[in-house]
Amino acid sequence: MIYGYCRVSTTHQHEENQHFVIENFAKQNNINIDSWIEEKISSGRKLQDRKLGALLNDLQSGDILITTEISRLGRSLLEVMGILQMCLERDCQIWTLKENFRLGTDIQSKVLAFAFGLSAELSRSLLRDRVRESLARLKAGGKKLGRPIGAQSKFLKLSKNNERINLLISQGISKSKIARIMRVNKVTLYNYLRNASQM
């Protein structure tokens, strides 16, 4: 069996790009992808909670798992190495397209797997450090961090739609439904209406 594996971290990202890259590679090399595994989940989640974990348990000797890059498999070096070791023990292969890596059963594959995993881990660690340093510098300069997602920003959104809210209320639409229409929590809507009536 040949598996295509695509993973993105959040619902705001799309796995179609990874799917396209793998599919294009397969066509160019006359390979048929027997099964696709696609998931939207952080690589920080435990392997057994991911579709990849179930797939690894089902792999048989001679199977091939194709993914765009080795970082799609896991976040930490130890996890990636564990996945590669599992495949080696089952006589399976992992192909990564970005690194052009083919994990087989030879010692060179094991060394390369370690090198790629270590590189991905170091890259993420350096990025985290840079982000942390930048945020600390901004905070020290007195800048408020984060998006305004509190009640104040929600109230502002509701106040901009005040006429529409009043129209919906006059039409007998329930406040719970209005909250869903406005895409806010119903408690936020109740608090907004209470404050508006006191103005």
C-alpha atoms as a PDB file:
ATOM      1  CA  MET A   1       0.000   0.000   0.000  1.00  0.00           C
ATOM      2  CA  ILE A   2       1.094   3.550  -0.719  1.00  0.00           C
ATOM      3  CA  TYR A   3      -0.317   6.201   1.615  1.00  0.00           C
ATOM      4  CA  GLY A   4      -0.430   9.976   1.137  1.00  0.00           C
ATOM      5  CA  TYR A   5      -0.318  11.844   4.454  1.00  0.00           C
ATOM      6  CA  CYS A   6      -1.279  15.522   4.827  1.00  0.00           C
ATOM      7  CA  ARG A   7      -1.497  17.453   8.081  1.00  0.00           C
ATOM      8  CA  VAL A   8      -2.119  21.085   8.992  1.00  0.00           C
ATOM      9  CA  SER A   9      -2.063  22.530  12.489  1.00  0.00           C
ATOM     10  CA  THR A  10      -5.232  24.639  12.502  1.00  0.00           C
ATOM     11  CA  THR A  11      -8.597  24.954  10.824  1.00  0.00           C
ATOM     12  CA  HIS A  12      -7.350  28.218   9.273  1.00  0.00           C
ATOM     13  CA  GLN A  13      -4.836  26.256   7.196  1.00  0.00           C
ATOM     14  CA  HIS A  14      -5.652  23.965   4.302  1.00  0.00           C
ATOM     15  CA  GLU A  15      -4.206  20.586   3.453  1.00  0.00           C
ATOM     16  CA  GLU A  16      -5.059  20.949  -0.243  1.00  0.00           C
ATOM     17  CA  ASN A  17      -1.574  22.319  -1.001  1.00  0.00           C
ATOM     18  CA  GLN A  18       0.096  19.248   0.501  1.00  0.00           C
ATOM     19  CA  HIS A  19      -2.377  16.990  -1.299  1.00  0.00           C
ATOM     20  CA  PHE A  20      -1.538  18.701  -4.606  1.00  0.00           C
ATOM     21  CA  VAL A  21       2.231  18.354  -4.092  1.00  0.00           C
ATOM     22  CA  ILE A  22       1.972  14.638  -3.287  1.00  0.00           C
ATOM     23  CA  GLU A  23      -0.503  13.971  -6.096  1.00  0.00           C
ATOM     24  CA  ASN A  24       1.710  15.800  -8.592  1.00  0.00           C
ATOM     25  CA  PHE A  25       4.753  13.811  -7.464  1.00  0.00           C
ATOM     26  CA  ALA A  26       2.806  10.559  -7.805  1.00  0.00           C
ATOM     27  CA  LYS A  27       1.720  11.415 -11.357  1.00  0.00           C
ATOM     28  CA  GLN A  28       5.232  12.345 -12.422  1.00  0.00           C
ATOM     29  CA  ASN A  29       6.582   9.057 -11.066  1.00  0.00           C
ATOM     30  CA  ASN A  30       3.687   6.800 -12.173  1.00  0.00           C
ATOM     31  CA  ILE A  31       2.778   6.026  -8.565  1.00  0.00           C
ATOM     32  CA  ASN A  32      -0.750   5.283  -7.434  1.00  0.00           C
ATOM     33  CA  ILE A  33      -1.737   6.586  -3.991  1.00  0.00           C
ATOM     34  CA  ASP A  34      -3.900   3.810  -2.537  1.00  0.00           C
ATOM     35  CA  SER A  35      -5.159   5.772   0.449  1.00  0.00           C
ATOM     36  CA  TRP A  36      -5.133   9.386   1.685  1.00  0.00           C
ATOM     37  CA  ILE A  37      -4.883  10.367   5.336  1.00  0.00           C
ATOM     38  CA  GLU A  38      -5.617  14.038   5.970  1.00  0.00           C
ATOM     39  CA  GLU A  39      -6.055  15.743   9.316  1.00  0.00           C
ATOM     40  CA  LYS A  40      -6.246  19.176  10.918  1.00  0.00           C
ATOM     41  CA  ILE A  41      -4.514  18.765  14.240  1.00  0.00           C
ATOM     42  CA  SER A  42      -1.445  20.094  16.005  1.00  0.00           C
ATOM     43  CA  SER A  43       1.616  17.877  15.929  1.00  0.00           C
ATOM     44  CA  GLY A  44       1.846  18.651  19.639  1.00  0.00           C
ATOM     45  CA  ARG A  45      -1.090  16.299  20.254  1.00  0.00           C
ATOM     46  CA  LYS A  46      -0.259  12.759  21.280  1.00  0.00           C
ATOM     47  CA  LEU A  47       0.388  10.428  18.379  1.00  0.00           C
ATOM     48  CA  GLN A  48      -2.410   8.066  19.443  1.00  0.00           C
ATOM     49  CA  ASP A  49      -4.880  10.967  19.197  1.00  0.00           C
ATOM     50  CA  ARG A  50      -3.939  11.586  15.570  1.00  0.00           C
ATOM     51  CA  LYS A  51      -4.942   9.686  12.431  1.00  0.00           C
ATOM     52  CA  LEU A  52      -1.236   9.165  11.819  1.00  0.00           C
ATOM     53  CA  GLY A  53      -1.050   7.036  14.960  1.00  0.00           C
ATOM     54  CA  ALA A  54      -3.777   4.697  13.680  1.00  0.00           C
ATOM     55  CA  LEU A  55      -2.101   4.532  10.273  1.00  0.00           C
ATOM     56  CA  LEU A  56       1.266   3.593  11.758  1.00  0.00           C
ATOM     57  CA  ASN A  57      -0.385   0.721  13.616  1.00  0.00           C
ATOM     58  CA  ASP A  58      -1.830  -0.565  10.319  1.00  0.00           C
ATOM     59  CA  LEU A  59       1.352  -0.371   8.241  1.00  0.00           C
ATOM     60  CA  GLN A  60       2.551  -3.657   6.783  1.00  0.00           C
ATOM     61  CA  SER A  61       5.902  -4.740   5.381  1.00  0.00           C
ATOM     62  CA  GLY A  62       6.598  -2.996   2.077  1.00  0.00           C
ATOM     63  CA  ASP A  63       4.127  -0.132   2.629  1.00  0.00           C
ATOM     64  CA  ILE A  64       5.176   3.399   1.733  1.00  0.00           C
ATOM     65  CA  LEU A  65       4.063   6.582   3.490  1.00  0.00           C
ATOM     66  CA  ILE A  66       4.520   9.764   1.434  1.00  0.00           C
ATOM     67  CA  THR A  67       4.368  13.217   3.006  1.00  0.00           C
ATOM     68  CA  THR A  68       5.507  16.676   1.919  1.00  0.00           C
ATOM     69  CA  GLU A  69       8.096  17.149   4.659  1.00  0.00           C
ATOM     70  CA  ILE A  70       9.325  15.379   7.744  1.00  0.00           C
ATOM     71  CA  SER A  71       7.911  18.060  10.076  1.00  0.00           C
ATOM     72  CA  ARG A  72       4.388  16.905   9.063  1.00  0.00           C
ATOM     73  CA  LEU A  73       5.034  13.745  11.085  1.00  0.00           C
ATOM     74  CA  GLY A  74       5.778  15.320  14.438  1.00  0.00           C
ATOM     75  CA  ARG A  75       6.971  18.350  16.341  1.00  0.00           C
ATOM     76  CA  SER A  76       9.739  16.928  18.493  1.00  0.00           C
ATOM     77  CA  LEU A  77      12.888  15.158  17.441  1.00  0.00           C
ATOM     78  CA  LEU A  78      12.135  12.225  19.717  1.00  0.00           C
ATOM     79  CA  GLU A  79       8.652  11.752  18.255  1.00  0.00           C
ATOM     80  CA  VAL A  80       9.905  11.870  14.660  1.00  0.00           C
ATOM     81  CA  MET A  81      12.676   9.407  15.473  1.00  0.00           C
ATOM     82  CA  GLY A  82      10.148   7.129  17.175  1.00  0.00           C
ATOM     83  CA  ILE A  83       7.927   7.172  14.072  1.00  0.00           C
ATOM     84  CA  LEU A  84      10.866   6.442  11.785  1.00  0.00           C
ATOM     85  CA  GLN A  85      12.046   3.645  14.067  1.00  0.00           C
ATOM     86  CA  MET A  86       8.563   2.107  14.062  1.00  0.00           C
ATOM     87  CA  CYS A  87       8.553   2.097  10.264  1.00  0.00           C
ATOM     88  CA  LEU A  88      12.037   0.618  10.086  1.00  0.00           C
ATOM     89  CA  GLU A  89      11.002  -2.207  12.405  1.00  0.00           C
ATOM     90  CA  ARG A  90       7.983  -2.949  10.175  1.00  0.00           C
ATOM     91  CA  ASP A  91      10.069  -2.817   6.984  1.00  0.00           C
ATOM     92  CA  CYS A  92       8.090   0.214   5.729  1.00  0.00           C
ATOM     93  CA  GLN A  93       9.343   3.304   3.972  1.00  0.00           C
ATOM     94  CA  ILE A  94       8.700   6.999   4.529  1.00  0.00           C
ATOM     95  CA  TRP A  95       9.231   9.381   1.636  1.00  0.00           C
ATOM     96  CA  THR A  96       9.404  13.132   2.233  1.00  0.00           C
ATOM     97  CA  LEU A  97       9.227  15.309  -0.856  1.00  0.00           C
ATOM     98  CA  LYS A  98      10.693  18.576   0.413  1.00  0.00           C
ATOM     99  CA  GLU A  99      13.850  16.896   1.675  1.00  0.00           C
ATOM    100  CA  ASN A 100      13.762  14.270  -1.105  1.00  0.00           C
ATOM    101  CA  PHE A 101      14.313  11.662   1.590  1.00  0.00           C
ATOM    102  CA  ARG A 102      13.584   7.943   1.322  1.00  0.00           C
ATOM    103  CA  LEU A 103      13.658   6.096   4.611  1.00  0.00           C
ATOM    104  CA  GLY A 104      14.624   2.519   3.967  1.00  0.00           C
ATOM    105  CA  THR A 105      16.321  -0.040   6.155  1.00  0.00           C
ATOM    106  CA  ASP A 106      19.947   0.964   5.521  1.00  0.00           C
ATOM    107  CA  ILE A 107      22.144   2.815   8.008  1.00  0.00           C
ATOM    108  CA  GLN A 108      22.344   5.863   5.727  1.00  0.00           C
ATOM    109  CA  SER A 109      18.566   6.270   5.971  1.00  0.00           C
ATOM    110  CA  LYS A 110      18.777   6.172   9.762  1.00  0.00           C
ATOM    111  CA  VAL A 111      21.496   8.830   9.821  1.00  0.00           C
ATOM    112  CA  LEU A 112      19.592  11.057   7.403  1.00  0.00           C
ATOM    113  CA  ALA A 113      16.388  10.628   9.393  1.00  0.00           C
ATOM    114  CA  PHE A 114      18.197  11.754  12.520  1.00  0.00           C
ATOM    115  CA  ALA A 115      19.752  14.739  10.722  1.00  0.00           C
ATOM    116  CA  PHE A 116      16.437  15.928   9.240  1.00  0.00           C
ATOM    117  CA  GLY A 117      14.604  15.483  12.518  1.00  0.00           C
ATOM    118  CA  LEU A 118      17.307  17.382  14.396  1.00  0.00           C
ATOM    119  CA  SER A 119      17.273  20.178  11.816  1.00  0.00           C
ATOM    120  CA  ALA A 120      13.490  20.582  12.074  1.00  0.00           C
ATOM    121  CA  GLU A 121      13.683  20.605  15.888  1.00  0.00           C
ATOM    122  CA  LEU A 122      16.436  23.241  15.942  1.00  0.00           C
ATOM    123  CA  SER A 123      14.585  25.400  13.424  1.00  0.00           C
ATOM    124  CA  ARG A 124      11.419  25.399  15.542  1.00  0.00           C
ATOM    125  CA  SER A 125      13.412  26.077  18.711  1.00  0.00           C
ATOM    126  CA  LEU A 126      15.177  29.062  17.141  1.00  0.00           C
ATOM    127  CA  LEU A 127      11.882  30.445  15.832  1.00  0.00           C
ATOM    128  CA  ARG A 128      10.274  30.131  19.287  1.00  0.00           C
ATOM    129  CA  ASP A 129      13.245  31.952  20.821  1.00  0.00           C
ATOM    130  CA  ARG A 130      13.038  34.791  18.279  1.00  0.00           C
ATOM    131  CA  VAL A 131       9.282  35.197  18.845  1.00  0.00           C
ATOM    132  CA  ARG A 132       9.729  35.133  22.632  1.00  0.00           C
ATOM    133  CA  GLU A 133      12.484  37.777  22.466  1.00  0.00           C
ATOM    134  CA  SER A 134      10.406  40.018  20.178  1.00  0.00           C
ATOM    135  CA  LEU A 135       7.356  39.797  22.448  1.00  0.00           C
ATOM    136  CA  ALA A 136       9.477  40.561  25.526  1.00  0.00           C
ATOM    137  CA  ARG A 137      10.965  43.624  23.791  1.00  0.00           C
ATOM    138  CA  LEU A 138       7.502  44.905  22.774  1.00  0.00           C
ATOM    139  CA  LYS A 139       6.129  44.314  26.264  1.00  0.00           C
ATOM    140  CA  ALA A 140       9.073  46.142  27.836  1.00  0.00           C
ATOM    141  CA  GLY A 141       8.302  49.066  25.505  1.00  0.00           C
ATOM    142  CA  GLY A 142       4.794  49.270  26.925  1.00  0.00           C
ATOM    143  CA  LYS A 143       2.953  47.748  23.973  1.00  0.00           C
ATOM    144  CA  LYS A 144      -0.146  45.707  24.745  1.00  0.00           C
ATOM    145  CA  LEU A 145       0.095  42.246  23.241  1.00  0.00           C
ATOM    146  CA  GLY A 146      -2.600  40.044  21.742  1.00  0.00           C
ATOM    147  CA  ARG A 147      -5.768  40.672  19.790  1.00  0.00           C
ATOM    148  CA  PRO A 148      -8.675  42.551  21.415  1.00  0.00           C
ATOM    149  CA  ILE A 149     -10.963  39.526  21.809  1.00  0.00           C
ATOM    150  CA  GLY A 150     -12.491  40.489  25.144  1.00  0.00           C
ATOM    151  CA  ALA A 151     -15.954  41.777  25.972  1.00  0.00           C
ATOM    152  CA  GLN A 152     -15.065  45.318  24.854  1.00  0.00           C
ATOM    153  CA  SER A 153     -14.422  44.269  21.242  1.00  0.00           C
ATOM    154  CA  LYS A 154     -17.551  42.089  21.248  1.00  0.00           C
ATOM    155  CA  PHE A 155     -19.638  45.008  22.564  1.00  0.00           C
ATOM    156  CA  LEU A 156     -18.228  47.219  19.802  1.00  0.00           C
ATOM    157  CA  LYS A 157     -19.263  44.629  17.224  1.00  0.00           C
ATOM    158  CA  LEU A 158     -22.783  44.439  18.694  1.00  0.00           C
ATOM    159  CA  SER A 159     -23.143  48.228  18.891  1.00  0.00           C
ATOM    160  CA  LYS A 160     -22.382  48.472  15.163  1.00  0.00           C
ATOM    161  CA  ASN A 161     -25.261  46.046  14.574  1.00  0.00           C
ATOM    162  CA  ASN A 162     -27.616  47.633  17.112  1.00  0.00           C
ATOM    163  CA  GLU A 163     -30.378  48.429  14.604  1.00  0.00           C
ATOM    164  CA  ARG A 164     -30.305  44.897  13.213  1.00  0.00           C
ATOM    165  CA  ILE A 165     -30.431  43.419  16.719  1.00  0.00           C
ATOM    166  CA  ASN A 166     -33.451  45.563  17.657  1.00  0.00           C
ATOM    167  CA  LEU A 167     -35.164  44.550  14.402  1.00  0.00           C
ATOM    168  CA  LEU A 168     -34.601  40.855  15.139  1.00  0.00           C
ATOM    169  CA  ILE A 169     -35.938  41.301  18.684  1.00  0.00           C
ATOM    170  CA  SER A 170     -39.036  43.078  17.351  1.00  0.00           C
ATOM    171  CA  GLN A 171     -39.609  40.138  14.988  1.00  0.00           C
ATOM    172  CA  GLY A 172     -39.703  37.768  17.956  1.00  0.00           C
ATOM    173  CA  ILE A 173     -36.349  36.112  17.269  1.00  0.00           C
ATOM    174  CA  SER A 174     -34.938  34.573  20.440  1.00  0.00           C
ATOM    175  CA  LYS A 175     -31.862  36.137  21.993  1.00  0.00           C
ATOM    176  CA  SER A 176     -30.027  32.810  21.730  1.00  0.00           C
ATOM    177  CA  LYS A 177     -30.609  32.763  17.979  1.00  0.00           C
ATOM    178  CA  ILE A 178     -29.613  36.427  17.666  1.00  0.00           C
ATOM    179  CA  ALA A 179     -26.375  35.607  19.509  1.00  0.00           C
ATOM    180  CA  ARG A 180     -25.669  32.856  16.959  1.00  0.00           C
ATOM    181  CA  ILE A 181     -26.422  35.252  14.089  1.00  0.00           C
ATOM    182  CA  MET A 182     -24.045  37.828  15.595  1.00  0.00           C
ATOM    183  CA  ARG A 183     -21.482  35.094  16.309  1.00  0.00           C
ATOM    184  CA  VAL A 184     -21.152  35.952  19.989  1.00  0.00           C
ATOM    185  CA  ASN A 185     -21.869  34.090  23.195  1.00  0.00           C
ATOM    186  CA  LYS A 186     -25.461  34.585  24.370  1.00  0.00           C
ATOM    187  CA  VAL A 187     -24.192  35.857  27.752  1.00  0.00           C
ATOM    188  CA  THR A 188     -22.262  38.570  25.896  1.00  0.00           C
ATOM    189  CA  LEU A 189     -25.437  39.549  24.050  1.00  0.00           C
ATOM    190  CA  TYR A 190     -27.476  39.632  27.305  1.00  0.00           C
ATOM    191  CA  ASN A 191     -24.828  41.843  28.965  1.00  0.00           C
ATOM    192  CA  TYR A 192     -24.749  44.152  25.947  1.00  0.00           C
ATOM    193  CA  LEU A 193     -28.565  44.545  25.920  1.00  0.00           C
ATOM    194  CA  ARG A 194     -28.597  45.164  29.678  1.00  0.00           C
ATOM    195  CA  ASN A 195     -25.928  47.869  29.373  1.00  0.00           C
ATOM    196  CA  ALA A 196     -27.658  49.411  26.340  1.00  0.00           C
ATOM    197  CA  SER A 197     -30.949  49.690  28.238  1.00  0.00           C
ATOM    198  CA  GLN A 198     -29.201  51.550  31.068  1.00  0.00           C
ATOM    199  CA  MET A 199     -27.754  54.201  28.745  1.00  0.00           C
END
